[in-house]
Structure formats: structure tokens, C-alpha cells
Amino acid sequence: MQLVDSGDVRVIADGRIGGILCFLALILVMSWGSGEAHGQVSWVGGVGSYTDGANWSGGAVPEGDDDIVITNGGTAQASGNIPILGVSIGGGSTLDV
């Protein structure tokens, strides 16, 4: 494949459509970030340790860029600092820290 610099490319880049496409491309690239996904991790345990991956959907303890959801009526028991992005608790559930 060859990339050829032609007048058509400059015309599109200089026009309104080109500006919009460049802006959308920039937003897309910025949204990719480091390639790591920020996730939502749900509590699937009853009463249990926050640091036990078996109590979380996906089988792993949430990390600092995860949102946690505890809405199954269970109780997550934690001690110390818990690095999370956000938390949602409902349905009679508790987070004991």
C-alpha cells in the first residue's frame, strides 16, 4: 500500500469535515488511554473478606480503577485502605471497613 500526498487530502483536512474527523480521531485516541479497561466489579459473596477474589465477579479483588457494586444483600468486610474508583451499595448490603 502506498500513501500519496494529494490535493484531496489537504482539501478534506482543511474543510469542516476534516476538522470534525480530526477531532473525533483525537477523542478516540484519548479514550483508549493505556489500553487498560476500567471495570465494574460486583460482590457475589455473602458475608466475607473484601480481599478474597472468590467474593467478586471475575474472581479477582477490585483495583483502584474499578467501580464496586454491592447490591446482593451481602457484606464485604475490609480493613485498611481500599483503592477503588467508585462504590454503589444497595439492597440491604453493607461494606464494613
N, C-alpha and C. Protein backbone atom coordinates (compact mmCIF):
# COMPACT_ATOMS: atom_id res chain seq x y z
N MET A 1 0.85 -1.15 0.00
CA MET A 1 0.00 0.00 0.00
C MET A 1 0.91 1.23 0.00
N GLN A 2 0.54 2.22 -0.79
CA GLN A 2 1.29 3.47 -0.85
C GLN A 2 0.44 4.60 -0.30
N LEU A 3 1.10 5.49 0.42
CA LEU A 3 0.43 6.68 0.89
C LEU A 3 0.91 7.82 0.01
N VAL A 4 -0.01 8.45 -0.68
CA VAL A 4 0.34 9.51 -1.61
C VAL A 4 -0.25 10.80 -1.10
N ASP A 5 0.60 11.83 -1.03
CA ASP A 5 0.13 13.15 -0.63
C ASP A 5 -0.54 13.78 -1.83
N SER A 6 -1.84 13.93 -1.73
CA SER A 6 -2.55 14.51 -2.86
C SER A 6 -3.33 15.74 -2.40
N GLY A 7 -3.76 16.53 -3.32
CA GLY A 7 -4.55 17.72 -3.01
C GLY A 7 -5.84 17.37 -2.30
N ASP A 8 -6.40 16.18 -2.59
CA ASP A 8 -7.65 15.77 -1.96
C ASP A 8 -7.50 15.67 -0.45
N VAL A 9 -6.37 15.16 -0.01
CA VAL A 9 -6.15 15.00 1.42
C VAL A 9 -6.13 16.37 2.10
N ARG A 10 -5.43 17.32 1.49
CA ARG A 10 -5.35 18.65 2.07
C ARG A 10 -6.70 19.34 2.06
N VAL A 11 -7.48 19.14 1.03
CA VAL A 11 -8.79 19.77 0.95
C VAL A 11 -9.69 19.25 2.06
N ILE A 12 -9.68 17.95 2.28
CA ILE A 12 -10.51 17.37 3.35
C ILE A 12 -10.02 17.84 4.71
N ALA A 13 -8.71 17.86 4.93
CA ALA A 13 -8.17 18.28 6.21
C ALA A 13 -8.44 19.75 6.49
N ASP A 14 -8.49 20.57 5.43
CA ASP A 14 -8.73 21.99 5.62
C ASP A 14 -10.21 22.32 5.76
N GLY A 15 -11.07 21.42 5.36
CA GLY A 15 -12.51 21.69 5.40
C GLY A 15 -13.12 21.37 6.74
N ARG A 16 -14.38 21.70 6.87
CA ARG A 16 -15.12 21.46 8.11
C ARG A 16 -15.18 19.97 8.44
N ILE A 17 -15.41 19.14 7.45
CA ILE A 17 -15.49 17.69 7.69
C ILE A 17 -14.16 17.18 8.21
N GLY A 18 -13.07 17.67 7.63
CA GLY A 18 -11.74 17.25 8.09
C GLY A 18 -11.50 17.61 9.54
N GLY A 19 -11.92 18.81 9.92
CA GLY A 19 -11.76 19.23 11.32
C GLY A 19 -12.55 18.36 12.27
N ILE A 20 -13.76 18.03 11.86
CA ILE A 20 -14.61 17.17 12.70
C ILE A 20 -13.99 15.78 12.80
N LEU A 21 -13.51 15.24 11.68
CA LEU A 21 -12.89 13.92 11.71
C LEU A 21 -11.64 13.91 12.56
N CYS A 22 -10.82 14.96 12.47
CA CYS A 22 -9.62 15.05 13.30
C CYS A 22 -10.00 15.11 14.78
N PHE A 23 -11.03 15.87 15.11
CA PHE A 23 -11.48 15.98 16.49
C PHE A 23 -11.97 14.63 17.01
N LEU A 24 -12.77 13.92 16.21
CA LEU A 24 -13.27 12.61 16.62
C LEU A 24 -12.13 11.61 16.77
N ALA A 25 -11.15 11.68 15.88
CA ALA A 25 -9.99 10.78 15.98
C ALA A 25 -9.22 11.06 17.27
N LEU A 26 -9.06 12.33 17.62
CA LEU A 26 -8.37 12.69 18.85
C LEU A 26 -9.12 12.16 20.07
N ILE A 27 -10.42 12.32 20.09
CA ILE A 27 -11.24 11.81 21.21
C ILE A 27 -11.09 10.29 21.31
N LEU A 28 -11.12 9.60 20.19
CA LEU A 28 -10.99 8.15 20.18
C LEU A 28 -9.65 7.73 20.74
N VAL A 29 -8.58 8.37 20.30
CA VAL A 29 -7.24 8.02 20.79
C VAL A 29 -7.13 8.30 22.28
N MET A 30 -7.68 9.41 22.75
CA MET A 30 -7.61 9.74 24.17
C MET A 30 -8.41 8.76 25.01
N SER A 31 -9.50 8.24 24.47
CA SER A 31 -10.33 7.31 25.23
C SER A 31 -9.67 5.94 25.36
N TRP A 32 -8.74 5.63 24.48
CA TRP A 32 -8.04 4.35 24.59
C TRP A 32 -7.10 4.34 25.78
N GLY A 33 -6.55 5.47 26.13
CA GLY A 33 -5.65 5.56 27.28
C GLY A 33 -4.53 4.55 27.18
N SER A 34 -4.29 3.83 28.24
CA SER A 34 -3.21 2.86 28.29
C SER A 34 -3.66 1.50 27.79
N GLY A 35 -4.90 1.39 27.37
CA GLY A 35 -5.40 0.11 26.90
C GLY A 35 -6.02 -0.72 28.01
N GLU A 36 -5.91 -0.26 29.25
CA GLU A 36 -6.49 -0.98 30.36
C GLU A 36 -7.93 -0.53 30.55
N ALA A 37 -8.79 -1.48 30.77
CA ALA A 37 -10.20 -1.15 30.93
C ALA A 37 -10.52 -0.87 32.39
N HIS A 38 -11.32 0.13 32.59
CA HIS A 38 -11.84 0.37 33.92
C HIS A 38 -13.10 -0.46 34.03
N GLY A 39 -13.21 -1.15 35.13
CA GLY A 39 -14.33 -2.07 35.19
C GLY A 39 -15.26 -1.86 36.35
N GLN A 40 -16.31 -2.59 36.28
CA GLN A 40 -17.28 -2.66 37.37
C GLN A 40 -17.21 -4.06 37.92
N VAL A 41 -16.95 -4.18 39.20
CA VAL A 41 -16.81 -5.47 39.85
C VAL A 41 -17.91 -5.60 40.89
N SER A 42 -18.66 -6.70 40.82
CA SER A 42 -19.79 -6.90 41.72
C SER A 42 -19.47 -7.92 42.80
N TRP A 43 -19.96 -7.64 44.00
CA TRP A 43 -19.82 -8.56 45.13
C TRP A 43 -20.77 -9.73 44.90
N VAL A 44 -20.24 -10.94 44.93
CA VAL A 44 -21.07 -12.13 44.73
C VAL A 44 -21.08 -13.01 45.98
N GLY A 45 -20.33 -12.59 47.00
CA GLY A 45 -20.26 -13.34 48.24
C GLY A 45 -21.40 -12.99 49.18
N GLY A 46 -21.50 -13.75 50.23
CA GLY A 46 -22.46 -13.44 51.30
C GLY A 46 -21.78 -12.48 52.25
N VAL A 47 -21.41 -12.98 53.43
CA VAL A 47 -20.59 -12.23 54.37
C VAL A 47 -19.19 -12.78 54.21
N GLY A 48 -18.24 -11.88 53.89
CA GLY A 48 -16.89 -12.39 53.67
C GLY A 48 -15.86 -11.30 53.51
N SER A 49 -14.64 -11.74 53.32
CA SER A 49 -13.49 -10.85 53.22
C SER A 49 -13.44 -10.12 51.88
N TYR A 50 -13.25 -8.81 51.97
CA TYR A 50 -13.11 -7.97 50.77
C TYR A 50 -11.93 -8.43 49.92
N THR A 51 -10.88 -8.93 50.55
CA THR A 51 -9.65 -9.29 49.84
C THR A 51 -9.65 -10.71 49.28
N ASP A 52 -10.77 -11.38 49.36
CA ASP A 52 -10.90 -12.73 48.78
C ASP A 52 -11.51 -12.61 47.39
N GLY A 53 -10.73 -12.88 46.37
CA GLY A 53 -11.20 -12.76 44.99
C GLY A 53 -12.43 -13.59 44.68
N ALA A 54 -12.63 -14.67 45.40
CA ALA A 54 -13.80 -15.53 45.17
C ALA A 54 -15.11 -14.82 45.48
N ASN A 55 -15.05 -13.73 46.26
CA ASN A 55 -16.26 -12.98 46.60
C ASN A 55 -16.64 -11.94 45.55
N TRP A 56 -15.86 -11.83 44.50
CA TRP A 56 -16.08 -10.81 43.47
C TRP A 56 -16.32 -11.43 42.11
N SER A 57 -17.17 -10.78 41.31
CA SER A 57 -17.38 -11.24 39.93
C SER A 57 -16.03 -11.18 39.22
N GLY A 58 -15.76 -12.14 38.42
CA GLY A 58 -14.47 -12.19 37.73
C GLY A 58 -13.39 -12.88 38.54
N GLY A 59 -13.66 -13.15 39.82
CA GLY A 59 -12.72 -13.90 40.65
C GLY A 59 -11.49 -13.14 41.10
N ALA A 60 -11.51 -11.81 41.01
CA ALA A 60 -10.35 -11.02 41.44
C ALA A 60 -10.80 -9.85 42.29
N VAL A 61 -9.96 -9.46 43.24
CA VAL A 61 -10.24 -8.32 44.11
C VAL A 61 -10.19 -7.04 43.27
N PRO A 62 -11.14 -6.13 43.47
CA PRO A 62 -11.14 -4.87 42.71
C PRO A 62 -9.85 -4.08 42.90
N GLU A 63 -9.49 -3.34 41.86
CA GLU A 63 -8.30 -2.49 41.90
C GLU A 63 -8.72 -1.03 41.94
N GLY A 64 -7.76 -0.14 42.01
CA GLY A 64 -8.02 1.28 42.16
C GLY A 64 -8.78 1.93 41.03
N ASP A 65 -8.83 1.30 39.86
CA ASP A 65 -9.56 1.89 38.73
C ASP A 65 -10.88 1.17 38.47
N ASP A 66 -11.38 0.46 39.47
CA ASP A 66 -12.65 -0.26 39.35
C ASP A 66 -13.73 0.43 40.16
N ASP A 67 -14.96 0.32 39.67
CA ASP A 67 -16.15 0.68 40.44
C ASP A 67 -16.64 -0.61 41.08
N ILE A 68 -16.97 -0.55 42.37
CA ILE A 68 -17.50 -1.76 43.01
C ILE A 68 -19.00 -1.60 43.26
N VAL A 69 -19.69 -2.73 43.15
CA VAL A 69 -21.14 -2.78 43.34
C VAL A 69 -21.44 -3.88 44.34
N ILE A 70 -22.11 -3.51 45.42
CA ILE A 70 -22.53 -4.49 46.43
C ILE A 70 -24.04 -4.30 46.60
N THR A 71 -24.79 -5.14 45.91
CA THR A 71 -26.26 -5.00 45.94
C THR A 71 -26.98 -6.34 46.10
N ASN A 72 -26.24 -7.39 46.50
CA ASN A 72 -26.86 -8.70 46.59
C ASN A 72 -27.29 -9.06 48.01
N GLY A 73 -27.25 -8.10 48.93
CA GLY A 73 -27.61 -8.37 50.32
C GLY A 73 -26.45 -8.88 51.14
N GLY A 74 -25.28 -8.98 50.55
CA GLY A 74 -24.09 -9.48 51.25
C GLY A 74 -23.37 -8.38 52.01
N THR A 75 -22.32 -8.80 52.73
CA THR A 75 -21.49 -7.87 53.49
C THR A 75 -20.02 -8.11 53.15
N ALA A 76 -19.39 -7.09 52.60
CA ALA A 76 -17.96 -7.15 52.33
C ALA A 76 -17.24 -6.59 53.54
N GLN A 77 -16.34 -7.38 54.12
CA GLN A 77 -15.61 -6.96 55.31
C GLN A 77 -14.18 -6.62 54.92
N ALA A 78 -13.79 -5.36 55.18
CA ALA A 78 -12.46 -4.89 54.79
C ALA A 78 -11.78 -4.19 55.95
N SER A 79 -10.46 -4.09 55.85
CA SER A 79 -9.72 -3.32 56.83
C SER A 79 -8.65 -2.53 56.09
N GLY A 80 -8.31 -1.37 56.63
CA GLY A 80 -7.31 -0.53 55.98
C GLY A 80 -7.88 0.23 54.80
N ASN A 81 -6.99 0.67 53.94
CA ASN A 81 -7.40 1.42 52.75
C ASN A 81 -7.88 0.50 51.65
N ILE A 82 -8.93 0.95 50.97
CA ILE A 82 -9.47 0.19 49.84
C ILE A 82 -9.39 1.09 48.61
N PRO A 83 -8.47 0.81 47.71
CA PRO A 83 -8.37 1.65 46.50
C PRO A 83 -9.44 1.28 45.49
N ILE A 84 -10.40 2.18 45.27
CA ILE A 84 -11.46 1.97 44.28
C ILE A 84 -11.77 3.29 43.60
N LEU A 85 -12.39 3.20 42.45
CA LEU A 85 -12.80 4.40 41.73
C LEU A 85 -14.15 4.90 42.25
N GLY A 86 -15.08 3.99 42.49
CA GLY A 86 -16.41 4.36 42.96
C GLY A 86 -17.09 3.17 43.62
N VAL A 87 -18.16 3.45 44.34
CA VAL A 87 -18.86 2.38 45.04
C VAL A 87 -20.37 2.60 44.96
N SER A 88 -21.10 1.50 44.83
CA SER A 88 -22.56 1.53 44.85
C SER A 88 -23.01 0.40 45.79
N ILE A 89 -23.77 0.78 46.82
CA ILE A 89 -24.24 -0.19 47.80
C ILE A 89 -25.75 -0.08 47.90
N GLY A 90 -26.44 -1.20 47.86
CA GLY A 90 -27.88 -1.20 47.95
C GLY A 90 -28.42 -2.57 48.27
N GLY A 91 -29.71 -2.70 48.30
CA GLY A 91 -30.37 -4.00 48.51
C GLY A 91 -30.07 -4.62 49.84
N GLY A 92 -29.88 -3.79 50.88
CA GLY A 92 -29.59 -4.34 52.21
C GLY A 92 -28.14 -4.78 52.39
N SER A 93 -27.29 -4.46 51.45
CA SER A 93 -25.87 -4.83 51.51
C SER A 93 -25.10 -3.86 52.40
N THR A 94 -23.91 -4.29 52.84
CA THR A 94 -23.05 -3.41 53.63
C THR A 94 -21.59 -3.60 53.23
N LEU A 95 -20.84 -2.55 53.47
CA LEU A 95 -19.38 -2.58 53.32
C LEU A 95 -18.81 -2.19 54.66
N ASP A 96 -18.28 -3.16 55.40
CA ASP A 96 -17.70 -2.91 56.72
C ASP A 96 -16.22 -2.62 56.54
N VAL A 97 -15.82 -1.41 56.96
CA VAL A 97 -14.40 -1.05 56.85
C VAL A 97 -13.87 -0.76 58.22
